[in-house]
């Protein structure tokens, strides 16, 4: 006949008087605390969150149109919605370029000197096959996409300025309302490492050259450029530290 053994288990967390005595004598480990489920918290409801200016700023133009009836009971937010919507529609009217356009000498007056009023124009003088020019052009390509309300053009140096010396390349000329506002000769003008962030910072050092067509103020664009530059420097520094430690 089989010998059966039974093991009886009490409710989890329960304890007998004998167990309590053994714990006092140190023969058993302390009793674990009774399980308590975390307090219930309902999922946040976006519609019930307080609405302020930042809530309006996060909306797209279409979403702001749809909110017209929802903010009737809040005069301040309704007025701010109208103001923000007007700003966005005005920004949409800004000329959009988004690339570094190739021009010739015969195009210069039309594309640069006669560019729309208040549009900043960055003119890139270059020579085919130059590594330095190629490096700066890659930076400008990225900036042209990021700041489409600033006009970027490129032209072979001797087509723009006859007999322009190659030793001065690459060169950037900055125009505004038909006048030259700045010029940067040579790759060294943009720091030890020529990066889009570094070029952007140099271009905006004295004037708000770069325009993304969306920010409501020149100061907001400049602060964004400075923040991106600092983040780039920090990232490169961390990469250098990691490279140095791995070679030890």
Protein backbone atom coordinates (compact mmCIF):
# COMPACT_ATOMS: atom_id res chain seq x y z
CA UNK A 1 0.00 0.00 0.00
CA UNK A 2 1.41 3.37 -1.05
CA UNK A 3 2.65 5.75 1.61
CA UNK A 4 1.11 9.18 1.07
CA UNK A 5 2.54 12.39 2.49
CA UNK A 6 0.44 15.51 2.70
CA UNK A 7 1.77 19.07 3.02
CA UNK A 8 -0.72 21.62 4.23
CA UNK A 9 -0.12 25.29 3.29
CA UNK A 10 -1.73 28.16 5.13
CA UNK A 11 -2.95 31.35 3.55
CA UNK A 12 -0.04 33.42 2.21
CA UNK A 13 1.22 35.84 4.84
CA UNK A 14 -0.47 33.95 7.71
CA UNK A 15 1.52 32.86 10.73
CA UNK A 16 1.01 30.37 13.58
CA UNK A 17 1.71 30.97 17.26
CA UNK A 18 4.56 28.44 17.06
CA UNK A 19 6.14 30.37 14.18
CA UNK A 20 5.93 33.59 16.18
CA UNK A 21 7.73 31.95 19.12
CA UNK A 22 10.46 30.60 16.79
CA UNK A 23 10.97 34.03 15.29
CA UNK A 24 11.41 35.55 18.75
CA UNK A 25 14.07 32.91 19.46
CA UNK A 26 15.79 33.67 16.15
CA UNK A 27 15.13 30.24 14.68
CA UNK A 28 13.08 31.60 11.80
CA UNK A 29 13.65 34.63 9.56
CA UNK A 30 11.47 37.69 10.11
CA UNK A 31 7.98 37.42 8.79
CA UNK A 32 7.66 39.07 5.36
CA UNK A 33 5.31 42.03 5.22
CA UNK A 34 1.80 41.32 4.03
CA UNK A 35 1.23 42.03 0.36
CA UNK A 36 -0.50 45.32 -0.36
CA UNK A 37 -1.51 46.17 -3.91
CA UNK A 38 -0.55 49.65 -5.10
CA UNK A 39 -3.30 52.24 -4.83
CA UNK A 40 -5.45 52.52 -7.92
CA UNK A 41 -4.85 55.58 -10.06
CA UNK A 42 -6.96 56.13 -13.15
CA UNK A 43 -5.17 56.80 -16.42
CA UNK A 44 -4.72 60.52 -17.08
CA UNK A 45 -7.40 62.05 -19.24
CA UNK A 46 -5.91 64.57 -21.71
CA UNK A 47 -9.22 66.36 -22.01
CA UNK A 48 -9.35 67.03 -18.27
CA UNK A 49 -5.81 68.45 -18.06
CA UNK A 50 -5.60 72.21 -17.41
CA UNK A 51 -5.41 74.20 -20.64
CA UNK A 52 -2.89 77.02 -20.95
CA UNK A 53 -0.75 78.76 -23.59
CA UNK A 54 1.61 75.80 -23.92
CA UNK A 55 -1.40 73.57 -24.63
CA UNK A 56 -2.41 75.88 -27.47
CA UNK A 57 1.18 76.10 -28.78
CA UNK A 58 1.29 72.31 -29.16
CA UNK A 59 -1.64 72.32 -31.60
CA UNK A 60 -1.33 72.29 -35.38
CA UNK A 61 -3.13 74.78 -37.59
CA UNK A 62 -5.92 72.30 -38.35
CA UNK A 63 -6.33 71.46 -34.67
CA UNK A 64 -6.57 75.16 -33.79
CA UNK A 65 -9.34 75.57 -36.37
CA UNK A 66 -11.28 72.72 -34.76
CA UNK A 67 -10.93 74.28 -31.28
CA UNK A 68 -12.92 77.37 -32.19
CA UNK A 69 -16.12 76.19 -30.49
CA UNK A 70 -14.39 74.43 -27.58
CA UNK A 71 -12.85 77.56 -26.08
CA UNK A 72 -15.89 79.83 -26.07
CA UNK A 73 -16.01 79.67 -22.25
CA UNK A 74 -12.38 80.76 -21.88
CA UNK A 75 -11.94 84.21 -23.39
CA UNK A 76 -8.19 84.36 -22.75
CA UNK A 77 -7.44 81.04 -24.46
CA UNK A 78 -9.77 81.85 -27.34
CA UNK A 79 -7.96 85.15 -27.96
CA UNK A 80 -4.60 83.40 -27.71
CA UNK A 81 -5.81 80.70 -30.12
CA UNK A 82 -6.74 83.36 -32.68
CA UNK A 83 -3.36 85.07 -32.24
CA UNK A 84 -1.44 81.81 -32.59
CA UNK A 85 -3.46 80.80 -35.66
CA UNK A 86 -2.76 84.16 -37.30
CA UNK A 87 0.96 83.77 -36.60
CA UNK A 88 1.02 80.29 -38.13
CA UNK A 89 -0.82 81.45 -41.25
CA UNK A 90 1.57 84.38 -41.59
CA UNK A 91 4.56 82.07 -41.24
CA UNK A 92 3.14 79.86 -43.99
CA UNK A 93 3.39 82.83 -46.37
CA UNK A 94 7.15 83.06 -45.84
CA UNK A 95 9.18 82.06 -48.89
CA UNK A 96 10.36 78.47 -48.64
CA UNK A 97 13.58 77.37 -50.33
CA UNK A 98 14.94 74.27 -48.60
CA UNK A 99 18.02 73.60 -50.75
CA UNK A 100 21.31 75.09 -51.93
CA UNK A 101 20.42 76.31 -55.41
CA UNK A 102 23.03 76.37 -58.18
CA UNK A 103 23.28 79.73 -59.96
CA UNK A 104 25.52 81.21 -62.65
CA UNK A 105 27.04 84.66 -62.98
CA UNK A 106 24.10 85.86 -65.06
CA UNK A 107 21.67 84.77 -62.30
CA UNK A 108 23.42 86.63 -59.49
CA UNK A 109 21.57 89.95 -59.62
CA UNK A 110 18.14 88.33 -59.89
CA UNK A 111 18.67 85.60 -57.28
CA UNK A 112 20.80 87.52 -54.78
CA UNK A 113 20.75 91.30 -55.16
CA UNK A 114 17.04 91.34 -56.04
CA UNK A 115 15.93 88.63 -53.60
CA UNK A 116 12.64 89.37 -51.74
CA UNK A 117 12.92 92.06 -49.10
CA UNK A 118 13.94 90.81 -45.64
CA UNK A 119 15.07 87.44 -47.02
CA UNK A 120 18.62 86.58 -45.99
CA UNK A 121 20.72 85.08 -48.79
CA UNK A 122 23.82 82.95 -48.13
CA UNK A 123 26.08 82.76 -51.21
CA UNK A 124 28.56 79.88 -51.35
CA UNK A 125 31.63 80.46 -53.55
CA UNK A 126 33.33 77.18 -54.40
CA UNK A 127 35.51 75.19 -56.78
CA UNK A 128 34.70 71.74 -58.12
CA UNK A 129 36.82 68.95 -56.62
CA UNK A 130 37.89 70.88 -53.51
CA UNK A 131 37.57 68.75 -50.33
CA UNK A 132 37.20 71.87 -48.17
CA UNK A 133 34.40 73.17 -50.37
CA UNK A 134 32.71 69.76 -50.31
CA UNK A 135 32.77 69.69 -46.50
CA UNK A 136 31.20 73.13 -46.17
CA UNK A 137 28.61 72.33 -48.85
CA UNK A 138 27.42 69.30 -46.87
CA UNK A 139 26.86 71.58 -43.87
CA UNK A 140 24.96 74.09 -45.98
CA UNK A 141 22.77 71.36 -47.48
CA UNK A 142 21.66 70.42 -43.97
CA UNK A 143 21.08 74.03 -42.90
CA UNK A 144 19.08 74.79 -46.07
CA UNK A 145 16.64 72.02 -45.14
CA UNK A 146 16.43 73.06 -41.49
CA UNK A 147 16.03 76.80 -42.26
CA UNK A 148 13.96 76.89 -45.47
CA UNK A 149 13.07 80.59 -45.14
CA UNK A 150 16.74 81.51 -45.64
CA UNK A 151 17.91 81.39 -49.24
CA UNK A 152 21.07 79.40 -49.97
CA UNK A 153 22.78 79.59 -53.37
CA UNK A 154 26.09 78.27 -54.69
CA UNK A 155 28.18 79.61 -57.53
CA UNK A 156 31.61 78.76 -58.94
CA UNK A 157 33.91 81.41 -57.50
CA UNK A 158 35.33 82.73 -60.79
CA UNK A 159 31.83 83.14 -62.22
CA UNK A 160 30.97 85.39 -59.32
CA UNK A 161 34.30 87.23 -58.96
CA UNK A 162 36.72 86.97 -61.93
CA UNK A 163 40.17 85.65 -60.95
CA UNK A 164 39.04 84.93 -57.39
CA UNK A 165 41.99 83.08 -55.77
CA UNK A 166 41.49 79.42 -54.87
CA UNK A 167 43.31 79.95 -51.57
CA UNK A 168 40.28 81.93 -50.33
CA UNK A 169 37.89 79.04 -50.90
CA UNK A 170 35.43 78.16 -49.62
CA UNK A 171 33.87 81.58 -49.10
CA UNK A 172 30.44 82.58 -47.83
CA UNK A 173 28.85 85.93 -48.61
CA UNK A 174 25.75 86.98 -46.65
CA UNK A 175 23.30 89.36 -48.34
CA UNK A 176 20.26 91.15 -46.96
CA UNK A 177 18.09 93.61 -48.90
CA UNK A 178 20.65 93.66 -51.71
CA UNK A 179 23.65 94.53 -49.53
CA UNK A 180 26.56 92.44 -48.25
CA UNK A 181 26.27 92.05 -44.48
CA UNK A 182 29.10 89.58 -43.81
CA UNK A 183 31.73 87.45 -45.52
CA UNK A 184 33.63 84.40 -44.30
CA UNK A 185 36.81 83.41 -46.14
CA UNK A 186 38.26 79.92 -45.75
CA UNK A 187 37.13 76.84 -43.88
CA UNK A 188 38.93 77.98 -40.71
CA UNK A 189 36.23 80.66 -40.27
CA UNK A 190 33.93 77.93 -38.95
CA UNK A 191 36.16 76.46 -36.24
CA UNK A 192 38.37 73.41 -35.88
CA UNK A 193 35.55 71.09 -36.90
CA UNK A 194 33.25 72.33 -39.63
CA UNK A 195 29.80 71.14 -38.56
CA UNK A 196 26.30 72.39 -39.47
CA UNK A 197 25.83 73.57 -35.88
CA UNK A 198 29.12 75.49 -35.92
CA UNK A 199 28.36 77.09 -39.30
CA UNK A 200 24.89 78.09 -38.06
CA UNK A 201 26.35 79.73 -34.97
CA UNK A 202 28.88 81.72 -37.04
CA UNK A 203 26.24 82.87 -39.52
CA UNK A 204 24.03 84.19 -36.71
CA UNK A 205 26.81 85.74 -34.66
CA UNK A 206 25.90 89.33 -35.55
CA UNK A 207 22.61 89.03 -37.48
CA UNK A 208 19.62 86.64 -37.48
CA UNK A 209 20.58 85.12 -40.84
CA UNK A 210 18.86 81.77 -40.39
CA UNK A 211 15.08 81.54 -40.45
CA UNK A 212 13.07 78.33 -40.12
CA UNK A 213 9.84 80.06 -41.15
CA UNK A 214 8.03 78.80 -38.04
CA UNK A 215 9.55 80.35 -34.91
CA UNK A 216 7.74 83.41 -33.68
CA UNK A 217 10.90 85.38 -32.94
CA UNK A 218 14.49 85.70 -34.12
CA UNK A 219 15.59 85.16 -30.53
CA UNK A 220 13.88 81.75 -30.47
CA UNK A 221 15.81 80.69 -33.58
CA UNK A 222 19.10 81.93 -32.12
CA UNK A 223 18.49 80.12 -28.83
CA UNK A 224 17.76 76.93 -30.75
CA UNK A 225 21.00 77.28 -32.73
CA UNK A 226 23.02 77.86 -29.56
CA UNK A 227 21.41 74.85 -27.87
CA UNK A 228 22.16 72.59 -30.86
CA UNK A 229 25.77 73.81 -30.97
CA UNK A 230 26.31 73.09 -27.27
CA UNK A 231 24.72 69.64 -27.59
CA UNK A 232 26.99 68.89 -30.56
CA UNK A 233 30.13 69.94 -28.67
CA UNK A 234 29.14 67.87 -25.63
CA UNK A 235 28.44 64.81 -27.81
CA UNK A 236 31.79 65.11 -29.60
CA UNK A 237 33.58 65.50 -26.26
CA UNK A 238 31.91 62.36 -24.90
CA UNK A 239 32.80 60.46 -28.09
CA UNK A 240 36.43 61.57 -27.77
CA UNK A 241 36.53 60.42 -24.14
CA UNK A 242 35.10 57.02 -25.05
CA UNK A 243 37.56 56.63 -27.91
CA UNK A 244 40.48 57.53 -25.67
CA UNK A 245 39.44 55.14 -22.89
CA UNK A 246 38.94 52.23 -25.29
CA UNK A 247 42.45 52.62 -26.69
CA UNK A 248 44.12 52.37 -23.28
